[in-house]
Amino acid sequence: MIDVTKIPHDRIGLGSKVVVLDSTKDEEISYHLVTSEDANVAEGRISTSSPIGKSLLGKQAGDTVKLVTPGGTRDLEILSLKTIHDLTQEDKPAAQQES
């Protein structure tokens, strides 16, 4: 069981959806950070324990991350972030959000 209260509200953590700019490839990439059991790279779901996941954890929009891979180093700029808390709020009906 995951204690959602321990996941940050303003930084990348489990459940976050992140858009990064890979300056090496000049390409925007979307990632959804999930547990290793739910990871599916082809669908953009990466594990928090993967090299990319580990490098993004705890970062905020605007931060730049150096990702070291076997193929070389990549610079990823975090363009946008929605935490699990933001996504949960989006899923609630409007009447529940007002309370």
N, C-alpha and C. Protein backbone atom coordinates (compact mmCIF):
# COMPACT_ATOMS: atom_id res chain seq x y z
N MET A 1 0.84 -1.18 0.00
CA MET A 1 0.00 0.00 0.00
C MET A 1 0.89 1.25 0.00
N ILE A 2 0.52 2.24 -0.79
CA ILE A 2 1.30 3.47 -0.90
C ILE A 2 0.64 4.57 -0.09
N ASP A 3 1.42 5.25 0.73
CA ASP A 3 0.92 6.36 1.53
C ASP A 3 1.03 7.63 0.69
N VAL A 4 -0.09 8.05 0.11
CA VAL A 4 -0.12 9.20 -0.80
C VAL A 4 0.25 10.49 -0.07
N THR A 5 0.04 10.55 1.25
CA THR A 5 0.36 11.77 1.99
C THR A 5 1.86 12.04 2.02
N LYS A 6 2.67 11.03 1.73
CA LYS A 6 4.12 11.21 1.73
C LYS A 6 4.67 11.60 0.36
N ILE A 7 3.79 11.67 -0.64
CA ILE A 7 4.21 12.08 -1.99
C ILE A 7 4.13 13.60 -2.06
N PRO A 8 5.20 14.26 -2.52
CA PRO A 8 5.20 15.73 -2.54
C PRO A 8 4.12 16.32 -3.45
N HIS A 9 3.66 17.52 -3.08
CA HIS A 9 2.64 18.23 -3.86
C HIS A 9 3.27 19.11 -4.94
N ASP A 10 4.53 19.45 -4.81
CA ASP A 10 5.14 20.43 -5.73
C ASP A 10 6.38 19.90 -6.44
N ARG A 11 6.66 18.63 -6.28
CA ARG A 11 7.84 18.02 -6.90
C ARG A 11 7.45 16.69 -7.52
N ILE A 12 8.29 16.20 -8.41
CA ILE A 12 8.02 14.94 -9.09
C ILE A 12 8.12 13.79 -8.09
N GLY A 13 7.11 12.94 -8.12
CA GLY A 13 7.07 11.76 -7.28
C GLY A 13 6.24 10.69 -7.97
N LEU A 14 5.99 9.61 -7.28
CA LEU A 14 5.18 8.53 -7.82
C LEU A 14 3.84 9.08 -8.29
N GLY A 15 3.43 8.69 -9.48
CA GLY A 15 2.14 9.11 -10.03
C GLY A 15 2.20 10.40 -10.83
N SER A 16 3.34 11.10 -10.81
CA SER A 16 3.45 12.36 -11.54
C SER A 16 3.47 12.12 -13.04
N LYS A 17 2.89 13.09 -13.76
CA LYS A 17 2.99 13.13 -15.22
C LYS A 17 3.88 14.32 -15.55
N VAL A 18 4.91 14.06 -16.34
CA VAL A 18 5.95 15.05 -16.60
C VAL A 18 6.18 15.17 -18.10
N VAL A 19 6.38 16.40 -18.56
CA VAL A 19 6.80 16.63 -19.94
C VAL A 19 8.19 17.23 -19.87
N VAL A 20 9.14 16.60 -20.56
CA VAL A 20 10.52 17.07 -20.58
C VAL A 20 10.94 17.38 -22.00
N LEU A 21 11.91 18.27 -22.11
CA LEU A 21 12.54 18.55 -23.39
C LEU A 21 13.91 17.90 -23.36
N ASP A 22 14.11 16.94 -24.25
CA ASP A 22 15.42 16.30 -24.39
C ASP A 22 16.22 17.19 -25.34
N SER A 23 17.09 18.03 -24.77
CA SER A 23 17.81 19.00 -25.59
C SER A 23 18.80 18.32 -26.54
N THR A 24 19.20 17.10 -26.22
CA THR A 24 20.10 16.36 -27.10
C THR A 24 19.40 16.04 -28.43
N LYS A 25 18.12 15.68 -28.34
CA LYS A 25 17.35 15.31 -29.54
C LYS A 25 16.39 16.42 -29.97
N ASP A 26 16.30 17.52 -29.18
CA ASP A 26 15.34 18.60 -29.41
C ASP A 26 13.94 18.02 -29.56
N GLU A 27 13.55 17.22 -28.56
CA GLU A 27 12.30 16.49 -28.61
C GLU A 27 11.59 16.56 -27.25
N GLU A 28 10.27 16.80 -27.27
CA GLU A 28 9.48 16.77 -26.04
C GLU A 28 9.01 15.34 -25.81
N ILE A 29 9.14 14.89 -24.55
CA ILE A 29 8.76 13.53 -24.20
C ILE A 29 7.90 13.59 -22.94
N SER A 30 6.82 12.81 -22.92
CA SER A 30 5.95 12.73 -21.75
C SER A 30 6.21 11.43 -21.01
N TYR A 31 6.29 11.55 -19.69
CA TYR A 31 6.48 10.38 -18.84
C TYR A 31 5.44 10.39 -17.73
N HIS A 32 5.01 9.21 -17.35
CA HIS A 32 4.14 9.02 -16.19
C HIS A 32 4.92 8.11 -15.26
N LEU A 33 5.28 8.59 -14.06
CA LEU A 33 6.08 7.80 -13.13
C LEU A 33 5.19 6.85 -12.34
N VAL A 34 5.51 5.58 -12.44
CA VAL A 34 4.69 4.52 -11.82
C VAL A 34 5.59 3.53 -11.08
N THR A 35 4.97 2.55 -10.44
CA THR A 35 5.74 1.49 -9.79
C THR A 35 6.35 0.60 -10.87
N SER A 36 7.33 -0.19 -10.50
CA SER A 36 7.98 -1.06 -11.48
C SER A 36 7.00 -2.08 -12.07
N GLU A 37 5.99 -2.47 -11.29
CA GLU A 37 5.00 -3.44 -11.78
C GLU A 37 4.12 -2.84 -12.88
N ASP A 38 3.92 -1.52 -12.87
CA ASP A 38 3.04 -0.86 -13.84
C ASP A 38 3.80 -0.22 -15.00
N ALA A 39 5.10 -0.33 -15.01
CA ALA A 39 5.92 0.33 -16.05
C ALA A 39 5.65 -0.28 -17.42
N ASN A 40 5.61 0.59 -18.42
CA ASN A 40 5.48 0.19 -19.82
C ASN A 40 6.06 1.34 -20.64
N VAL A 41 7.32 1.23 -21.00
CA VAL A 41 8.04 2.30 -21.67
C VAL A 41 7.34 2.72 -22.96
N ALA A 42 6.82 1.77 -23.72
CA ALA A 42 6.15 2.08 -24.98
C ALA A 42 4.95 3.01 -24.77
N GLU A 43 4.34 2.95 -23.58
CA GLU A 43 3.19 3.80 -23.27
C GLU A 43 3.60 5.02 -22.44
N GLY A 44 4.90 5.23 -22.23
CA GLY A 44 5.38 6.39 -21.49
C GLY A 44 5.32 6.24 -19.98
N ARG A 45 5.00 5.04 -19.50
CA ARG A 45 4.95 4.79 -18.06
C ARG A 45 6.31 4.23 -17.63
N ILE A 46 7.03 5.03 -16.87
CA ILE A 46 8.36 4.60 -16.44
C ILE A 46 8.39 4.43 -14.93
N SER A 47 9.18 3.50 -14.50
CA SER A 47 9.31 3.19 -13.08
C SER A 47 10.11 4.26 -12.36
N THR A 48 9.71 4.53 -11.12
CA THR A 48 10.48 5.47 -10.30
C THR A 48 11.86 4.91 -9.97
N SER A 49 12.06 3.62 -10.16
CA SER A 49 13.36 3.03 -9.87
C SER A 49 14.24 2.90 -11.13
N SER A 50 13.73 3.32 -12.29
CA SER A 50 14.52 3.31 -13.52
C SER A 50 15.49 4.49 -13.50
N PRO A 51 16.53 4.47 -14.34
CA PRO A 51 17.47 5.60 -14.37
C PRO A 51 16.77 6.94 -14.64
N ILE A 52 15.83 6.96 -15.58
CA ILE A 52 15.11 8.21 -15.87
C ILE A 52 14.25 8.60 -14.67
N GLY A 53 13.52 7.65 -14.13
CA GLY A 53 12.67 7.91 -12.97
C GLY A 53 13.47 8.45 -11.80
N LYS A 54 14.58 7.81 -11.49
CA LYS A 54 15.42 8.25 -10.38
C LYS A 54 15.93 9.67 -10.60
N SER A 55 16.30 10.00 -11.84
CA SER A 55 16.85 11.32 -12.11
C SER A 55 15.78 12.41 -12.01
N LEU A 56 14.51 12.06 -12.23
CA LEU A 56 13.43 13.05 -12.18
C LEU A 56 12.85 13.25 -10.78
N LEU A 57 12.91 12.23 -9.94
CA LEU A 57 12.30 12.32 -8.61
C LEU A 57 12.81 13.53 -7.83
N GLY A 58 11.86 14.25 -7.24
CA GLY A 58 12.21 15.39 -6.40
C GLY A 58 12.45 16.69 -7.15
N LYS A 59 12.38 16.66 -8.47
CA LYS A 59 12.63 17.86 -9.27
C LYS A 59 11.32 18.61 -9.51
N GLN A 60 11.44 19.86 -9.99
CA GLN A 60 10.28 20.71 -10.27
C GLN A 60 10.33 21.19 -11.71
N ALA A 61 9.19 21.72 -12.18
CA ALA A 61 9.15 22.32 -13.51
C ALA A 61 10.19 23.43 -13.58
N GLY A 62 10.94 23.47 -14.67
CA GLY A 62 12.01 24.45 -14.84
C GLY A 62 13.38 23.90 -14.54
N ASP A 63 13.45 22.80 -13.78
CA ASP A 63 14.74 22.18 -13.47
C ASP A 63 15.29 21.47 -14.69
N THR A 64 16.62 21.35 -14.75
CA THR A 64 17.29 20.58 -15.79
C THR A 64 17.99 19.40 -15.12
N VAL A 65 17.88 18.24 -15.75
CA VAL A 65 18.44 17.00 -15.21
C VAL A 65 19.44 16.44 -16.20
N LYS A 66 20.60 16.01 -15.70
CA LYS A 66 21.56 15.28 -16.53
C LYS A 66 21.29 13.80 -16.35
N LEU A 67 20.97 13.15 -17.44
CA LEU A 67 20.68 11.72 -17.40
C LEU A 67 21.83 10.98 -18.05
N VAL A 68 22.49 10.13 -17.27
CA VAL A 68 23.61 9.35 -17.78
C VAL A 68 23.09 7.98 -18.18
N THR A 69 23.24 7.65 -19.45
CA THR A 69 22.79 6.36 -19.97
C THR A 69 23.97 5.67 -20.64
N PRO A 70 23.85 4.38 -20.94
CA PRO A 70 24.94 3.70 -21.65
C PRO A 70 25.25 4.36 -23.00
N GLY A 71 24.24 5.02 -23.59
CA GLY A 71 24.44 5.68 -24.89
C GLY A 71 25.01 7.08 -24.77
N GLY A 72 25.23 7.55 -23.55
CA GLY A 72 25.78 8.90 -23.36
C GLY A 72 24.92 9.71 -22.40
N THR A 73 25.30 10.96 -22.24
CA THR A 73 24.60 11.85 -21.32
C THR A 73 23.55 12.66 -22.08
N ARG A 74 22.37 12.79 -21.47
CA ARG A 74 21.29 13.58 -22.06
C ARG A 74 20.86 14.64 -21.06
N ASP A 75 20.55 15.82 -21.56
CA ASP A 75 20.02 16.89 -20.72
C ASP A 75 18.52 16.96 -20.91
N LEU A 76 17.78 16.86 -19.81
CA LEU A 76 16.32 16.92 -19.84
C LEU A 76 15.87 18.14 -19.06
N GLU A 77 15.13 19.03 -19.73
CA GLU A 77 14.54 20.18 -19.05
C GLU A 77 13.09 19.84 -18.75
N ILE A 78 12.68 20.02 -17.50
CA ILE A 78 11.31 19.70 -17.10
C ILE A 78 10.42 20.87 -17.49
N LEU A 79 9.54 20.64 -18.46
CA LEU A 79 8.67 21.69 -18.97
C LEU A 79 7.38 21.81 -18.16
N SER A 80 6.80 20.68 -17.78
CA SER A 80 5.57 20.74 -17.00
C SER A 80 5.48 19.53 -16.09
N LEU A 81 4.69 19.70 -15.03
CA LEU A 81 4.55 18.67 -14.01
C LEU A 81 3.14 18.68 -13.48
N LYS A 82 2.54 17.51 -13.41
CA LYS A 82 1.29 17.31 -12.70
C LYS A 82 1.54 16.18 -11.72
N THR A 83 1.39 16.48 -10.43
CA THR A 83 1.61 15.46 -9.43
C THR A 83 0.37 14.58 -9.31
N ILE A 84 0.49 13.50 -8.57
CA ILE A 84 -0.63 12.60 -8.34
C ILE A 84 -1.78 13.37 -7.67
N HIS A 85 -1.44 14.37 -6.87
CA HIS A 85 -2.46 15.19 -6.19
C HIS A 85 -3.23 16.03 -7.21
N ASP A 86 -2.51 16.64 -8.18
CA ASP A 86 -3.15 17.43 -9.23
C ASP A 86 -4.08 16.55 -10.06
N LEU A 87 -3.60 15.37 -10.40
CA LEU A 87 -4.37 14.46 -11.25
C LEU A 87 -5.61 13.96 -10.52
N THR A 88 -5.51 13.74 -9.22
CA THR A 88 -6.66 13.30 -8.43
C THR A 88 -7.72 14.39 -8.41
N GLN A 89 -7.30 15.64 -8.26
CA GLN A 89 -8.23 16.77 -8.25
C GLN A 89 -8.96 16.88 -9.59
N GLU A 90 -8.24 16.67 -10.70
CA GLU A 90 -8.83 16.75 -12.04
C GLU A 90 -9.91 15.69 -12.24
N ASP A 91 -9.76 14.54 -11.58
CA ASP A 91 -10.69 13.44 -11.75
C ASP A 91 -11.98 13.61 -10.93
N LYS A 92 -11.96 14.53 -9.95
CA LYS A 92 -13.14 14.72 -9.11
C LYS A 92 -14.19 15.54 -9.85
N PRO A 93 -15.47 15.25 -9.64
CA PRO A 93 -16.53 16.09 -10.21
C PRO A 93 -16.41 17.51 -9.63
N ALA A 94 -16.86 18.52 -10.37
CA ALA A 94 -16.73 19.92 -9.98
C ALA A 94 -17.31 20.19 -8.60
N ALA A 95 -18.43 19.59 -8.25
CA ALA A 95 -19.07 19.83 -6.94
C ALA A 95 -18.16 19.39 -5.80
N GLN A 96 -17.41 18.31 -5.97
CA GLN A 96 -16.51 17.83 -4.91
C GLN A 96 -15.29 18.72 -4.78
N GLN A 97 -14.84 19.35 -5.89
CA GLN A 97 -13.66 20.19 -5.85
C GLN A 97 -13.91 21.47 -5.05
N GLU A 98 -15.15 21.94 -5.02
CA GLU A 98 -15.48 23.17 -4.33
C GLU A 98 -15.52 23.01 -2.82
N SER A 99 -15.73 21.81 -2.32
CA SER A 99 -15.85 21.61 -0.88
C SER A 99 -14.53 21.57 -0.18
